[in-house]
């Protein structure tokens, strides 16, 4: 091993950086429980969730979508 060669250390640091870039997305992340992951404001409110679109099959509503739309 060329411990005294500066090029060895540069390439070693670049390889470690590459390993970190590859492994980091695979690791689980810790998220605060009160935040919504998809909302820009980070809040978990009913307004942020939005309205659901009724389910249709070939342009006709299903039984479930009729029940959910009558509740709204």
Foldseek 3Di string as FASTA:
>chain_A
DCPPDPVVVVVVVVVVVVVCVVCVVVDDDDDDPQFDPPAPVRGDDPVRVDDDDFDDDPRHGDPVSVVVVVVD
